[in-house]
């Protein structure tokens, strides 16, 4: 699927008129555990959760590439690193929207993740990606250099989709 078509289909799926509203919609979905929206997204991507479809939309349309120099992990690198990591508890210091986590999850659905991310704008994408895949994770919005924690979440596996518990 082409990027523009993906963006338009994502906007239609999440019932938004402007791609800039996607972040707030994802927050709503994850905090309210909106399983209907998770189902709708799965249908949009033909139940192919093996890759981060939202990363493509975020990176092209919403990432701050000029000031923050944001660029995200290519799928080929995420696949390689996930194969090199043999542990069942994974730490990702710059989780972004979850590309590495998703690739490791593809190899082992029973892994537990501890994810760190600084950018508050990408955090809803990360939480959504974890929930729609029913991943077990502890997520921190943190400045890894100063260790200042801004937000903390438990992402708890459930029957089909994880639930987000806001800690801080």
Protein backbone atom coordinates (compact mmCIF):
# COMPACT_ATOMS: atom_id res chain seq x y z
CA UNK A 1 0.00 0.00 0.00
CA UNK A 2 1.37 3.43 -0.94
CA UNK A 3 2.05 5.93 1.84
CA UNK A 4 -0.66 8.39 0.82
CA UNK A 5 -3.21 5.59 0.57
CA UNK A 6 -2.10 4.27 3.98
CA UNK A 7 -2.47 7.74 5.52
CA UNK A 8 -5.94 8.17 4.04
CA UNK A 9 -7.05 4.72 5.15
CA UNK A 10 -5.67 5.33 8.67
CA UNK A 11 -7.57 8.62 8.84
CA UNK A 12 -10.75 6.89 7.72
CA UNK A 13 -10.24 3.99 10.13
CA UNK A 14 -9.71 6.27 13.12
CA UNK A 15 -12.43 8.68 12.00
CA UNK A 16 -10.25 11.79 11.87
CA UNK A 17 -10.24 14.62 9.33
CA UNK A 18 -6.64 15.74 9.91
CA UNK A 19 -3.60 13.47 10.34
CA UNK A 20 -2.44 15.76 13.17
CA UNK A 21 -5.42 14.49 15.20
CA UNK A 22 -4.18 10.90 15.10
CA UNK A 23 -2.06 11.23 18.25
CA UNK A 24 -5.05 12.32 20.37
CA UNK A 25 -7.24 9.61 18.88
CA UNK A 26 -4.65 6.95 19.77
CA UNK A 27 -4.48 8.26 23.34
CA UNK A 28 -8.27 7.98 23.57
CA UNK A 29 -8.28 4.45 22.19
CA UNK A 30 -5.52 3.11 24.45
CA UNK A 31 -6.67 4.75 27.68
CA UNK A 32 -10.29 3.68 27.10
CA UNK A 33 -9.29 0.18 25.91
CA UNK A 34 -11.43 0.63 22.79
CA UNK A 35 -11.39 -2.91 21.44
CA UNK A 36 -13.67 -1.99 18.54
CA UNK A 37 -11.03 0.44 17.25
CA UNK A 38 -8.31 -2.20 17.70
CA UNK A 39 -10.45 -4.61 15.67
CA UNK A 40 -11.00 -1.94 13.02
CA UNK A 41 -7.25 -1.30 12.74
CA UNK A 42 -6.52 -5.03 12.47
CA UNK A 43 -9.01 -5.24 9.63
CA UNK A 44 -7.34 -2.24 7.94
CA UNK A 45 -3.96 -4.00 7.92
CA UNK A 46 -5.45 -7.41 7.06
CA UNK A 47 -4.47 -8.66 10.53
CA UNK A 48 -0.80 -8.24 9.60
CA UNK A 49 0.70 -7.00 12.86
CA UNK A 50 4.20 -8.13 11.90
CA UNK A 51 5.24 -4.58 11.08
CA UNK A 52 4.65 -1.07 12.37
CA UNK A 53 2.22 0.42 9.86
CA UNK A 54 1.75 3.56 11.95
CA UNK A 55 5.50 4.25 11.99
CA UNK A 56 5.37 5.00 8.28
CA UNK A 57 2.60 7.56 8.74
CA UNK A 58 4.23 9.16 11.78
CA UNK A 59 7.69 9.36 10.27
CA UNK A 60 6.59 10.93 7.01
CA UNK A 61 3.80 13.24 8.17
CA UNK A 62 4.39 13.98 11.85
CA UNK A 63 8.02 13.43 12.92
CA UNK A 64 10.13 16.47 13.83
CA UNK A 65 12.95 15.71 11.42
CA UNK A 66 14.40 19.24 11.39
CA UNK A 67 14.72 20.21 15.07
CA UNK A 68 14.84 16.78 16.77
CA UNK A 69 16.37 15.01 13.76
CA UNK A 70 13.82 12.24 14.26
CA UNK A 71 14.18 9.24 12.06
CA UNK A 72 13.03 5.76 12.89
CA UNK A 73 14.54 2.31 12.81
CA UNK A 74 14.30 0.68 9.39
CA UNK A 75 12.52 -2.68 9.48
CA UNK A 76 15.65 -4.49 8.23
CA UNK A 77 17.69 -3.20 11.18
CA UNK A 78 14.88 -3.93 13.65
CA UNK A 79 14.70 -7.53 12.37
CA UNK A 80 18.48 -7.98 12.67
CA UNK A 81 18.71 -6.58 16.21
CA UNK A 82 15.69 -8.61 17.34
CA UNK A 83 17.39 -11.81 16.16
CA UNK A 84 20.62 -10.90 17.96
CA UNK A 85 18.80 -10.31 21.25
CA UNK A 86 18.28 -13.71 22.89
CA UNK A 87 16.77 -12.59 26.20
CA UNK A 88 13.10 -12.77 27.13
CA UNK A 89 13.22 -9.39 28.86
CA UNK A 90 14.07 -6.64 26.40
CA UNK A 91 15.07 -3.04 27.08
CA UNK A 92 14.79 -0.42 24.34
CA UNK A 93 16.22 2.98 25.30
CA UNK A 94 14.75 4.83 22.28
CA UNK A 95 11.57 2.89 21.57
CA UNK A 96 9.93 5.33 19.15
CA UNK A 97 6.70 3.79 17.91
CA UNK A 98 7.93 0.27 18.66
CA UNK A 99 9.63 -1.09 15.51
CA UNK A 100 12.25 -3.13 17.41
CA UNK A 101 9.70 -4.33 19.96
CA UNK A 102 7.35 -5.50 17.20
CA UNK A 103 10.13 -7.43 15.46
CA UNK A 104 11.16 -9.14 18.71
CA UNK A 105 7.50 -9.91 19.43
CA UNK A 106 7.27 -11.53 15.99
CA UNK A 107 9.97 -13.98 17.13
CA UNK A 108 8.73 -14.52 20.68
CA UNK A 109 5.24 -13.47 21.80
CA UNK A 110 6.15 -14.17 25.45
CA UNK A 111 8.85 -11.52 25.81
CA UNK A 112 8.50 -8.75 28.36
CA UNK A 113 9.59 -5.28 27.39
CA UNK A 114 10.89 -2.23 29.21
CA UNK A 115 10.64 0.69 26.83
CA UNK A 116 11.98 4.21 27.14
CA UNK A 117 11.01 7.12 24.91
CA UNK A 118 11.50 10.86 25.28
CA UNK A 119 9.13 12.27 22.66
CA UNK A 120 5.60 12.71 23.97
CA UNK A 121 4.26 12.89 20.40
CA UNK A 122 5.28 9.34 19.51
CA UNK A 123 4.19 7.83 22.85
CA UNK A 124 0.53 7.27 21.75
CA UNK A 125 1.78 5.33 18.71
CA UNK A 126 3.97 3.16 20.91
CA UNK A 127 1.18 2.44 23.41
CA UNK A 128 -1.28 1.66 20.61
CA UNK A 129 1.20 -0.68 18.91
CA UNK A 130 1.75 -2.55 22.17
CA UNK A 131 -1.95 -2.85 22.98
CA UNK A 132 -3.11 -4.00 19.56
CA UNK A 133 -0.52 -6.80 19.74
CA UNK A 134 -1.33 -7.72 23.37
CA UNK A 135 2.28 -7.10 24.42
CA UNK A 136 3.47 -7.07 28.03
CA UNK A 137 5.50 -3.92 28.71
CA UNK A 138 6.56 -1.25 31.12
CA UNK A 139 6.80 2.08 29.27
CA UNK A 140 8.51 5.24 30.40
CA UNK A 141 8.45 8.68 28.85
CA UNK A 142 11.85 9.71 30.13
CA UNK A 143 14.90 11.78 29.43
CA UNK A 144 17.42 8.94 29.47
CA UNK A 145 20.33 11.35 29.94
CA UNK A 146 19.00 13.02 33.11
CA UNK A 147 16.80 10.05 34.17
CA UNK A 148 13.83 12.41 34.65
CA UNK A 149 10.64 10.35 34.28
CA UNK A 150 7.65 12.28 32.93
CA UNK A 151 5.15 9.44 32.52
CA UNK A 152 5.05 5.75 33.35
CA UNK A 153 2.70 3.07 32.05
CA UNK A 154 2.08 -0.62 32.59
CA UNK A 155 0.84 -2.33 29.45
CA UNK A 156 -0.88 -5.46 30.66
CA UNK A 157 -1.85 -8.33 28.34
CA UNK A 158 -5.53 -9.16 28.34
CA UNK A 159 -7.72 -11.61 26.42
CA UNK A 160 -7.02 -10.07 23.01
CA UNK A 161 -5.57 -6.57 23.49
CA UNK A 162 -3.40 -5.17 26.26
CA UNK A 163 -4.74 -2.61 28.70
CA UNK A 164 -2.82 0.53 29.65
CA UNK A 165 -2.47 1.41 33.31
CA UNK A 166 -1.19 4.95 33.91
CA UNK A 167 1.27 4.93 36.82
CA UNK A 168 2.54 8.49 36.58
